[in-house]
């Protein structure tokens, strides 16, 4: 499953990374990528930075790996103080820039907001809505929050393991069918 973090039906933007800190004195910044593989972040442009004053398009004119992440230079930002204004800012790109996935692969943003229905022991249970996903290393995990339409208000963590727990994802119907004990 590809990682693209937000689902906002009213927005054309999807979160793909974050500026975490400044790097050096010439306007470079440290980048944490949400894409998989991480370097794919630099294949998208323009970047839209979600600042406190709104969304701002920027162009990256240089980048390179650094430690476990990356550093990049924002075109026109040439000193540390100006770069510091972008610390903690989310990086987004237009959804249509993401490549089409094949088969049963989905971006995280496609799964967020979907209803989750369990077919357990011959019964059907509405468990709630996917609010977010967690990356655990072994597999991704759906965080499902109960609501007024579901069987209860509980939060459930359901491993995203197709054929074992996830039976079907229907984007058109905005529903994920799972095999999951509603008591768990």
N, C-alpha and C. Protein backbone atom coordinates (compact mmCIF):
# COMPACT_ATOMS: atom_id res chain seq x y z
N UNK A 1 0.86 -1.16 0.00
CA UNK A 1 0.00 0.00 0.00
C UNK A 1 0.90 1.22 0.00
N UNK A 2 0.63 2.17 -0.86
CA UNK A 2 1.43 3.39 -0.93
C UNK A 2 0.96 4.38 0.12
N UNK A 3 1.91 5.14 0.65
CA UNK A 3 1.59 6.07 1.72
C UNK A 3 1.37 7.46 1.15
N UNK A 4 0.19 7.93 1.24
CA UNK A 4 -0.15 9.30 0.94
C UNK A 4 -1.19 9.65 1.97
N UNK A 5 -0.92 10.59 2.80
CA UNK A 5 -1.53 10.64 4.11
C UNK A 5 -2.91 11.23 4.26
N UNK A 6 -3.31 12.26 3.58
CA UNK A 6 -4.58 12.88 3.93
C UNK A 6 -5.69 12.58 2.94
N UNK A 7 -6.91 12.57 3.44
CA UNK A 7 -8.08 12.45 2.58
C UNK A 7 -8.93 13.67 2.86
N UNK A 8 -9.10 14.51 1.86
CA UNK A 8 -9.92 15.70 1.99
C UNK A 8 -10.66 15.83 0.69
N UNK A 9 -11.95 15.46 0.71
CA UNK A 9 -12.72 15.43 -0.53
C UNK A 9 -12.80 16.79 -1.20
N UNK A 10 -12.66 17.87 -0.42
CA UNK A 10 -12.76 19.21 -0.98
C UNK A 10 -11.45 19.74 -1.50
N UNK A 11 -10.36 19.03 -1.27
CA UNK A 11 -9.04 19.53 -1.65
C UNK A 11 -8.44 18.65 -2.74
N UNK A 12 -7.67 19.28 -3.59
CA UNK A 12 -6.94 18.57 -4.63
C UNK A 12 -5.53 18.24 -4.17
N UNK A 13 -5.18 18.61 -2.93
CA UNK A 13 -3.83 18.42 -2.43
C UNK A 13 -3.75 17.22 -1.49
N UNK A 14 -2.60 16.58 -1.51
CA UNK A 14 -2.35 15.44 -0.64
C UNK A 14 -0.99 15.63 0.04
N UNK A 15 -0.94 15.37 1.33
CA UNK A 15 0.29 15.53 2.10
C UNK A 15 1.28 14.44 1.72
N UNK A 16 2.51 14.87 1.41
CA UNK A 16 3.54 13.91 1.00
C UNK A 16 4.82 14.04 1.81
N UNK A 17 4.88 15.00 2.71
CA UNK A 17 6.09 15.17 3.51
C UNK A 17 6.00 16.35 4.44
N UNK A 18 7.13 16.64 5.09
CA UNK A 18 7.16 17.71 6.07
C UNK A 18 8.56 18.31 6.11
N UNK A 19 8.63 19.61 6.28
CA UNK A 19 9.92 20.27 6.51
C UNK A 19 10.15 20.23 8.02
N UNK A 20 11.25 19.62 8.43
CA UNK A 20 11.47 19.39 9.86
C UNK A 20 12.41 20.39 10.52
N UNK A 21 13.37 20.94 9.77
CA UNK A 21 14.35 21.84 10.38
C UNK A 21 15.12 22.56 9.28
N UNK A 22 15.89 23.56 9.68
CA UNK A 22 16.79 24.21 8.74
C UNK A 22 18.08 23.40 8.67
N UNK A 23 18.83 23.58 7.58
CA UNK A 23 20.09 22.86 7.39
C UNK A 23 21.10 23.85 6.84
N UNK A 24 22.10 24.18 7.63
CA UNK A 24 23.13 25.11 7.19
C UNK A 24 22.64 26.55 7.22
N UNK A 25 23.39 27.43 6.53
CA UNK A 25 23.09 28.87 6.58
C UNK A 25 22.62 29.43 5.24
N UNK A 26 22.49 28.59 4.22
CA UNK A 26 22.17 29.08 2.88
C UNK A 26 20.74 28.75 2.44
N UNK A 27 19.84 28.58 3.38
CA UNK A 27 18.43 28.40 3.03
C UNK A 27 18.00 26.96 2.79
N UNK A 28 18.83 26.00 3.10
CA UNK A 28 18.46 24.60 2.95
C UNK A 28 17.59 24.16 4.12
N UNK A 29 16.74 23.16 3.88
CA UNK A 29 15.87 22.63 4.92
C UNK A 29 15.95 21.10 4.93
N UNK A 30 15.68 20.52 6.12
CA UNK A 30 15.61 19.06 6.24
C UNK A 30 14.19 18.63 5.92
N UNK A 31 14.07 17.52 5.19
CA UNK A 31 12.78 17.03 4.70
C UNK A 31 12.53 15.62 5.22
N UNK A 32 11.31 15.38 5.70
CA UNK A 32 10.85 14.02 6.00
C UNK A 32 9.79 13.67 4.96
N UNK A 33 10.02 12.61 4.22
CA UNK A 33 9.12 12.20 3.14
C UNK A 33 8.15 11.14 3.63
N UNK A 34 6.87 11.27 3.22
CA UNK A 34 5.86 10.25 3.50
C UNK A 34 5.71 9.28 2.34
N UNK A 35 6.39 9.53 1.22
CA UNK A 35 6.21 8.69 0.04
C UNK A 35 7.00 7.40 0.17
N UNK A 36 6.63 6.44 -0.66
CA UNK A 36 7.30 5.15 -0.64
C UNK A 36 7.64 4.76 -2.06
N UNK A 37 8.91 4.67 -2.45
CA UNK A 37 10.08 4.98 -1.65
C UNK A 37 10.19 6.49 -1.37
N UNK A 38 10.94 6.82 -0.35
CA UNK A 38 10.99 8.20 0.14
C UNK A 38 11.46 9.21 -0.90
N UNK A 39 12.38 8.81 -1.75
CA UNK A 39 12.92 9.75 -2.74
C UNK A 39 11.89 10.15 -3.81
N UNK A 40 10.78 9.41 -3.90
CA UNK A 40 9.73 9.77 -4.87
C UNK A 40 9.20 11.17 -4.64
N UNK A 41 9.31 11.67 -3.42
CA UNK A 41 8.84 13.02 -3.10
C UNK A 41 9.39 14.06 -4.06
N UNK A 42 10.63 13.87 -4.50
CA UNK A 42 11.29 14.86 -5.34
C UNK A 42 10.90 14.74 -6.82
N UNK A 43 10.09 13.76 -7.15
CA UNK A 43 9.60 13.62 -8.51
C UNK A 43 8.33 14.41 -8.76
N UNK A 44 7.76 15.01 -7.70
CA UNK A 44 6.52 15.77 -7.82
C UNK A 44 6.80 17.26 -7.71
N UNK A 45 6.10 18.02 -8.48
CA UNK A 45 6.24 19.48 -8.38
C UNK A 45 5.13 20.16 -9.14
N UNK A 46 4.74 21.32 -8.72
CA UNK A 46 5.33 22.04 -7.60
C UNK A 46 4.88 21.47 -6.27
N UNK A 47 5.66 21.80 -5.24
CA UNK A 47 5.24 21.50 -3.89
C UNK A 47 4.35 22.64 -3.42
N UNK A 48 3.36 22.31 -2.64
CA UNK A 48 2.50 23.30 -2.01
C UNK A 48 2.77 23.21 -0.51
N UNK A 49 3.23 24.30 0.08
CA UNK A 49 3.52 24.32 1.50
C UNK A 49 2.31 24.85 2.25
N UNK A 50 1.87 24.09 3.25
CA UNK A 50 0.70 24.46 4.05
C UNK A 50 1.18 25.28 5.24
N UNK A 51 1.25 26.59 5.05
CA UNK A 51 1.76 27.50 6.08
C UNK A 51 0.60 28.05 6.92
N UNK A 52 0.93 28.75 7.99
CA UNK A 52 -0.08 29.38 8.84
C UNK A 52 -0.86 30.45 8.09
N UNK A 53 -0.26 30.98 7.04
CA UNK A 53 -0.91 32.03 6.24
C UNK A 53 -1.59 31.50 4.99
N UNK A 54 -1.68 30.19 4.86
CA UNK A 54 -2.31 29.60 3.69
C UNK A 54 -1.37 28.67 2.95
N UNK A 55 -1.78 28.29 1.76
CA UNK A 55 -1.02 27.35 0.94
C UNK A 55 -0.20 28.13 -0.07
N UNK A 56 1.08 27.77 -0.17
CA UNK A 56 2.01 28.51 -1.04
C UNK A 56 2.77 27.55 -1.94
N UNK A 57 2.75 27.76 -3.26
CA UNK A 57 3.54 26.89 -4.14
C UNK A 57 5.02 27.27 -4.09
N UNK A 58 5.88 26.25 -4.10
CA UNK A 58 7.32 26.49 -4.13
C UNK A 58 7.96 25.51 -5.10
N UNK A 59 9.15 25.89 -5.55
CA UNK A 59 9.93 25.03 -6.43
C UNK A 59 11.22 24.64 -5.71
N UNK A 60 11.59 23.39 -5.80
CA UNK A 60 12.83 22.89 -5.21
C UNK A 60 13.88 22.90 -6.31
N UNK A 61 14.99 23.62 -6.08
CA UNK A 61 16.00 23.68 -7.13
C UNK A 61 17.22 22.79 -6.87
N UNK A 62 17.27 22.16 -5.68
CA UNK A 62 18.33 21.19 -5.41
C UNK A 62 17.93 20.35 -4.20
N UNK A 63 18.37 19.11 -4.19
CA UNK A 63 18.08 18.22 -3.07
C UNK A 63 19.09 17.10 -3.06
N UNK A 64 19.21 16.45 -1.88
CA UNK A 64 20.11 15.29 -1.78
C UNK A 64 19.77 14.51 -0.51
N UNK A 65 20.13 13.21 -0.49
CA UNK A 65 19.93 12.42 0.73
C UNK A 65 20.82 12.98 1.85
N UNK A 66 20.32 12.87 3.08
CA UNK A 66 21.10 13.30 4.23
C UNK A 66 20.66 12.49 5.44
N UNK A 67 21.52 11.62 5.95
CA UNK A 67 21.16 10.76 7.07
C UNK A 67 20.01 9.85 6.68
N UNK A 68 18.94 9.82 7.52
CA UNK A 68 17.76 9.01 7.23
C UNK A 68 16.73 9.77 6.41
N UNK A 69 17.01 11.01 6.07
CA UNK A 69 16.06 11.81 5.31
C UNK A 69 16.73 12.50 4.14
N UNK A 70 16.32 13.73 3.91
CA UNK A 70 16.82 14.50 2.78
C UNK A 70 16.98 15.95 3.20
N UNK A 71 17.78 16.67 2.43
CA UNK A 71 17.83 18.12 2.54
C UNK A 71 17.49 18.68 1.16
N UNK A 72 16.90 19.87 1.17
CA UNK A 72 16.49 20.47 -0.10
C UNK A 72 16.62 21.98 0.00
N UNK A 73 16.73 22.60 -1.16
CA UNK A 73 16.78 24.06 -1.24
C UNK A 73 15.55 24.57 -1.97
N UNK A 74 14.83 25.46 -1.33
CA UNK A 74 13.66 26.09 -1.95
C UNK A 74 14.15 27.27 -2.78
N UNK A 75 13.79 27.27 -4.03
CA UNK A 75 14.22 28.33 -4.94
C UNK A 75 13.83 29.69 -4.37
N UNK A 76 14.82 30.61 -4.29
CA UNK A 76 14.57 31.96 -3.80
C UNK A 76 14.72 32.12 -2.30
N UNK A 77 14.93 31.04 -1.58
CA UNK A 77 15.14 31.10 -0.14
C UNK A 77 16.63 30.86 0.10
N UNK A 78 17.36 31.95 0.44
CA UNK A 78 18.81 31.84 0.46
C UNK A 78 19.47 32.13 1.80
N UNK A 79 18.70 32.22 2.87
CA UNK A 79 19.34 32.34 4.18
C UNK A 79 18.58 31.54 5.23
N UNK A 80 19.29 31.25 6.30
CA UNK A 80 18.78 30.38 7.37
C UNK A 80 17.51 30.94 8.00
N UNK A 81 17.46 32.25 8.23
CA UNK A 81 16.29 32.85 8.89
C UNK A 81 15.03 32.70 8.04
N UNK A 82 15.16 32.90 6.75
CA UNK A 82 14.00 32.74 5.86
C UNK A 82 13.58 31.27 5.79
N UNK A 83 14.55 30.36 5.74
CA UNK A 83 14.25 28.93 5.70
C UNK A 83 13.56 28.49 7.00
N UNK A 84 13.93 29.10 8.12
CA UNK A 84 13.35 28.74 9.41
C UNK A 84 11.84 28.98 9.45
N UNK A 85 11.34 29.90 8.64
CA UNK A 85 9.90 30.17 8.58
C UNK A 85 9.11 28.96 8.08
N UNK A 86 9.78 28.04 7.41
CA UNK A 86 9.12 26.86 6.85
C UNK A 86 9.23 25.62 7.75
N UNK A 87 9.93 25.73 8.87
CA UNK A 87 10.08 24.60 9.78
C UNK A 87 8.72 24.15 10.30
N UNK A 88 8.46 22.84 10.23
CA UNK A 88 7.19 22.28 10.69
C UNK A 88 6.07 22.35 9.69
N UNK A 89 6.34 22.84 8.49
CA UNK A 89 5.32 23.00 7.46
C UNK A 89 5.13 21.70 6.68
N UNK A 90 3.88 21.37 6.40
CA UNK A 90 3.54 20.18 5.62
C UNK A 90 3.72 20.45 4.13
N UNK A 91 4.27 19.47 3.43
CA UNK A 91 4.46 19.53 1.98
C UNK A 91 3.32 18.75 1.33
N UNK A 92 2.65 19.36 0.38
CA UNK A 92 1.57 18.70 -0.34
C UNK A 92 1.81 18.82 -1.84
N UNK A 93 1.19 17.91 -2.59
CA UNK A 93 1.22 17.98 -4.05
C UNK A 93 -0.20 17.72 -4.56
N UNK A 94 -0.43 18.05 -5.82
CA UNK A 94 -1.74 17.80 -6.42
C UNK A 94 -1.93 16.29 -6.61
N UNK A 95 -3.11 15.80 -6.24
CA UNK A 95 -3.40 14.37 -6.30
C UNK A 95 -3.15 13.77 -7.68
N UNK A 96 -3.47 14.50 -8.73
CA UNK A 96 -3.34 13.93 -10.07
C UNK A 96 -1.88 13.69 -10.47
N UNK A 97 -0.93 14.19 -9.68
CA UNK A 97 0.48 13.92 -9.97
C UNK A 97 0.91 12.53 -9.53
N UNK A 98 0.14 11.92 -8.63
CA UNK A 98 0.47 10.58 -8.17
C UNK A 98 0.18 9.56 -9.27
N UNK A 99 1.07 8.60 -9.45
CA UNK A 99 0.83 7.59 -10.48
C UNK A 99 -0.34 6.69 -10.11
N UNK A 100 -1.01 6.16 -11.13
CA UNK A 100 -2.08 5.20 -10.90
C UNK A 100 -1.47 3.93 -10.31
N UNK A 101 -2.14 3.37 -9.33
CA UNK A 101 -1.68 2.11 -8.74
C UNK A 101 -2.41 0.95 -9.41
N UNK A 102 -1.75 -0.18 -9.45
CA UNK A 102 -2.33 -1.35 -10.11
C UNK A 102 -2.92 -2.31 -9.10
N UNK A 103 -3.87 -3.09 -9.55
CA UNK A 103 -4.43 -4.16 -8.74
C UNK A 103 -5.11 -3.67 -7.48
N UNK A 104 -4.76 -4.29 -6.37
CA UNK A 104 -5.38 -3.98 -5.09
C UNK A 104 -4.52 -3.05 -4.24
N UNK A 105 -3.72 -2.21 -4.87
CA UNK A 105 -2.93 -1.22 -4.14
C UNK A 105 -3.71 0.08 -4.05
N UNK A 106 -3.60 0.72 -2.88
CA UNK A 106 -4.31 1.98 -2.65
C UNK A 106 -3.39 2.94 -1.92
N UNK A 107 -3.59 4.22 -2.17
CA UNK A 107 -2.92 5.24 -1.38
C UNK A 107 -3.66 5.39 -0.06
N UNK A 108 -2.94 5.78 0.98
CA UNK A 108 -3.57 5.98 2.28
C UNK A 108 -4.74 6.96 2.18
N UNK A 109 -4.55 8.02 1.42
CA UNK A 109 -5.62 9.04 1.36
C UNK A 109 -6.90 8.48 0.74
N UNK A 110 -6.79 7.43 -0.06
CA UNK A 110 -7.99 6.82 -0.64
C UNK A 110 -8.77 6.01 0.39
N UNK A 111 -8.11 5.53 1.42
CA UNK A 111 -8.76 4.69 2.43
C UNK A 111 -9.33 5.51 3.58
N UNK A 112 -8.72 6.65 3.87
CA UNK A 112 -9.20 7.49 4.96
C UNK A 112 -10.60 8.01 4.64
N UNK A 113 -11.49 7.89 5.61
CA UNK A 113 -12.86 8.34 5.44
C UNK A 113 -13.81 7.25 4.97
N UNK A 114 -13.30 6.07 4.62
CA UNK A 114 -14.17 4.98 4.17
C UNK A 114 -14.83 4.28 5.37
N UNK A 115 -16.07 3.80 5.17
CA UNK A 115 -16.77 3.01 6.18
C UNK A 115 -16.11 1.64 6.24
N UNK A 116 -16.11 1.04 7.41
CA UNK A 116 -15.56 -0.30 7.58
C UNK A 116 -16.68 -1.20 8.09
N UNK A 117 -16.94 -2.26 7.33
CA UNK A 117 -17.99 -3.21 7.67
C UNK A 117 -17.35 -4.58 7.84
N UNK A 118 -17.65 -5.22 8.98
CA UNK A 118 -17.11 -6.55 9.25
C UNK A 118 -18.17 -7.60 8.98
N UNK A 119 -17.75 -8.66 8.32
CA UNK A 119 -18.60 -9.84 8.11
C UNK A 119 -18.03 -10.90 9.05
N UNK A 120 -18.67 -11.04 10.21
CA UNK A 120 -18.13 -11.91 11.25
C UNK A 120 -19.20 -12.86 11.75
N UNK A 121 -18.89 -14.11 11.71
CA UNK A 121 -19.76 -15.14 12.27
C UNK A 121 -21.18 -15.07 11.66
N UNK A 122 -21.24 -14.84 10.34
CA UNK A 122 -22.52 -14.80 9.64
C UNK A 122 -23.30 -13.51 9.80
N UNK A 123 -22.76 -12.53 10.49
CA UNK A 123 -23.42 -11.25 10.71
C UNK A 123 -22.62 -10.13 10.05
N UNK A 124 -23.28 -8.98 9.85
CA UNK A 124 -22.63 -7.80 9.31
C UNK A 124 -22.62 -6.71 10.39
N UNK A 125 -21.45 -6.11 10.64
CA UNK A 125 -21.29 -5.09 11.67
C UNK A 125 -20.63 -3.85 11.09
N UNK A 126 -21.24 -2.69 11.26
CA UNK A 126 -20.63 -1.42 10.88
C UNK A 126 -19.70 -1.01 12.01
N UNK A 127 -18.40 -0.95 11.74
CA UNK A 127 -17.41 -0.65 12.77
C UNK A 127 -17.05 0.83 12.85
N UNK A 128 -17.40 1.62 11.83
CA UNK A 128 -17.07 3.04 11.83
C UNK A 128 -16.32 3.46 10.58
N UNK A 129 -15.49 4.47 10.74
CA UNK A 129 -14.80 5.10 9.62
C UNK A 129 -13.29 5.07 9.85
N UNK A 130 -12.53 4.87 8.77
CA UNK A 130 -11.07 4.94 8.84
C UNK A 130 -10.68 6.40 9.05
N UNK A 131 -10.06 6.71 10.20
CA UNK A 131 -9.64 8.08 10.48
C UNK A 131 -8.20 8.33 10.07
N UNK A 132 -7.39 7.27 10.12
CA UNK A 132 -5.99 7.40 9.73
C UNK A 132 -5.40 6.00 9.60
N UNK A 133 -4.16 5.93 9.20
CA UNK A 133 -3.45 4.66 9.11
C UNK A 133 -2.14 4.79 9.87
N UNK A 134 -1.68 3.67 10.38
CA UNK A 134 -0.40 3.61 11.07
C UNK A 134 0.54 2.70 10.31
N UNK A 135 1.80 3.08 10.28
CA UNK A 135 2.83 2.25 9.67
C UNK A 135 3.55 1.54 10.80
N UNK A 136 3.50 0.22 10.83
CA UNK A 136 4.08 -0.52 11.93
C UNK A 136 5.34 -1.29 11.56
N UNK A 137 5.66 -1.36 10.30
CA UNK A 137 6.80 -2.14 9.85
C UNK A 137 6.35 -3.46 9.26
N UNK A 138 5.61 -4.25 10.03
CA UNK A 138 5.12 -5.53 9.53
C UNK A 138 4.02 -5.32 8.50
N UNK A 139 3.08 -4.43 8.81
CA UNK A 139 1.99 -4.10 7.89
C UNK A 139 1.37 -2.79 8.35
N UNK A 140 0.62 -2.16 7.48
CA UNK A 140 -0.09 -0.94 7.85
C UNK A 140 -1.31 -1.33 8.67
N UNK A 141 -1.81 -0.39 9.47
CA UNK A 141 -2.95 -0.63 10.35
C UNK A 141 -4.00 0.45 10.11
N UNK A 142 -5.25 0.02 9.89
CA UNK A 142 -6.38 0.94 9.77
C UNK A 142 -6.81 1.34 11.17
N UNK A 143 -6.92 2.65 11.42
CA UNK A 143 -7.48 3.14 12.67
C UNK A 143 -8.93 3.48 12.37
N UNK A 144 -9.85 2.69 12.95
CA UNK A 144 -11.28 2.80 12.66
C UNK A 144 -11.98 3.35 13.90
N UNK A 145 -12.65 4.49 13.73
CA UNK A 145 -13.36 5.12 14.84
C UNK A 145 -14.86 4.91 14.70
N UNK A 146 -15.47 4.38 15.76
CA UNK A 146 -16.91 4.22 15.78
C UNK A 146 -17.61 5.58 15.82
N UNK A 147 -18.83 5.60 15.32
CA UNK A 147 -19.60 6.84 15.28
C UNK A 147 -21.08 6.53 15.46
N UNK A 148 -21.95 7.48 15.18
CA UNK A 148 -23.39 7.32 15.39
C UNK A 148 -23.98 6.20 14.55
N UNK A 149 -23.37 5.87 13.41
CA UNK A 149 -23.90 4.83 12.53
C UNK A 149 -23.36 3.43 12.86
N UNK A 150 -22.30 3.36 13.65
CA UNK A 150 -21.64 2.08 13.90
C UNK A 150 -22.20 1.40 15.14
N UNK A 151 -21.73 0.18 15.40
CA UNK A 151 -22.25 -0.62 16.52
C UNK A 151 -21.89 -0.03 17.88
N UNK A 152 -20.81 0.77 17.95
CA UNK A 152 -20.42 1.44 19.19
C UNK A 152 -19.48 2.59 18.85
N UNK A 153 -18.94 3.24 19.84
CA UNK A 153 -18.06 4.40 19.65
C UNK A 153 -16.58 4.03 19.77
N UNK A 154 -16.28 2.75 19.78
CA UNK A 154 -14.91 2.28 20.02
C UNK A 154 -13.98 2.60 18.86
N UNK A 155 -12.70 2.75 19.20
CA UNK A 155 -11.65 2.84 18.19
C UNK A 155 -11.05 1.45 18.05
N UNK A 156 -10.90 1.00 16.81
CA UNK A 156 -10.33 -0.31 16.54
C UNK A 156 -9.11 -0.17 15.65
N UNK A 157 -8.12 -1.00 15.90
CA UNK A 157 -6.92 -1.06 15.07
C UNK A 157 -6.97 -2.37 14.30
N UNK A 158 -7.13 -2.26 12.98
CA UNK A 158 -7.30 -3.44 12.13
C UNK A 158 -6.11 -3.54 11.17
N UNK A 159 -5.32 -4.60 11.26
CA UNK A 159 -4.19 -4.75 10.33
C UNK A 159 -4.68 -4.76 8.88
N UNK A 160 -3.99 -3.97 8.05
CA UNK A 160 -4.32 -3.97 6.63
C UNK A 160 -3.58 -5.13 5.98
N UNK A 161 -4.21 -6.31 6.07
CA UNK A 161 -3.64 -7.52 5.49
C UNK A 161 -4.70 -8.12 4.57
N UNK A 162 -4.59 -7.83 3.25
CA UNK A 162 -5.57 -8.39 2.30
C UNK A 162 -5.62 -9.91 2.40
N UNK A 163 -6.81 -10.43 2.18
CA UNK A 163 -7.12 -11.85 2.19
C UNK A 163 -7.16 -12.44 3.60
N UNK A 164 -6.46 -11.83 4.56
CA UNK A 164 -6.55 -12.33 5.92
C UNK A 164 -7.59 -11.54 6.71
N UNK A 165 -7.50 -10.21 6.70
CA UNK A 165 -8.46 -9.37 7.41
C UNK A 165 -9.27 -8.48 6.47
N UNK A 166 -8.63 -7.97 5.43
CA UNK A 166 -9.31 -7.07 4.49
C UNK A 166 -9.82 -7.89 3.32
N UNK A 167 -11.15 -7.99 3.22
CA UNK A 167 -11.76 -8.79 2.15
C UNK A 167 -11.85 -8.01 0.85
N UNK A 168 -12.25 -6.73 0.96
CA UNK A 168 -12.50 -5.97 -0.26
C UNK A 168 -12.50 -4.48 0.06
N UNK A 169 -11.94 -3.71 -0.87
CA UNK A 169 -12.01 -2.25 -0.80
C UNK A 169 -12.83 -1.81 -1.99
N UNK A 170 -13.90 -1.07 -1.73
CA UNK A 170 -14.76 -0.55 -2.79
C UNK A 170 -14.75 0.97 -2.71
N UNK A 171 -13.87 1.59 -3.51
CA UNK A 171 -13.75 3.05 -3.46
C UNK A 171 -15.04 3.73 -3.90
N UNK A 172 -15.71 3.18 -4.90
CA UNK A 172 -16.95 3.79 -5.40
C UNK A 172 -18.04 3.81 -4.32
N UNK A 173 -18.13 2.73 -3.56
CA UNK A 173 -19.13 2.64 -2.49
C UNK A 173 -18.60 3.23 -1.18
N UNK A 174 -17.34 3.66 -1.17
CA UNK A 174 -16.68 4.22 0.00
C UNK A 174 -16.75 3.28 1.20
N UNK A 175 -16.37 2.01 0.95
CA UNK A 175 -16.50 0.98 1.98
C UNK A 175 -15.34 -0.01 1.92
N UNK A 176 -14.92 -0.45 3.10
CA UNK A 176 -13.94 -1.53 3.23
C UNK A 176 -14.63 -2.67 3.96
N UNK A 177 -14.62 -3.86 3.37
CA UNK A 177 -15.18 -5.04 4.00
C UNK A 177 -14.04 -5.82 4.65
N UNK A 178 -14.23 -6.16 5.93
CA UNK A 178 -13.18 -6.87 6.67
C UNK A 178 -13.75 -8.11 7.36
N UNK A 179 -12.86 -9.02 7.71
CA UNK A 179 -13.15 -10.13 8.61
C UNK A 179 -12.53 -9.74 9.95
N UNK A 180 -13.34 -9.20 10.84
CA UNK A 180 -12.78 -8.72 12.11
C UNK A 180 -13.83 -8.89 13.20
N UNK A 181 -13.43 -9.51 14.29
CA UNK A 181 -14.32 -9.72 15.43
C UNK A 181 -14.72 -8.35 16.00
N UNK A 182 -16.01 -8.01 15.98
CA UNK A 182 -16.46 -6.70 16.45
C UNK A 182 -16.23 -6.49 17.94
N UNK A 183 -15.98 -7.57 18.69
CA UNK A 183 -15.69 -7.44 20.12
C UNK A 183 -14.24 -7.04 20.37
N UNK A 184 -13.41 -7.09 19.34
CA UNK A 184 -11.99 -6.83 19.50
C UNK A 184 -11.65 -5.42 19.08
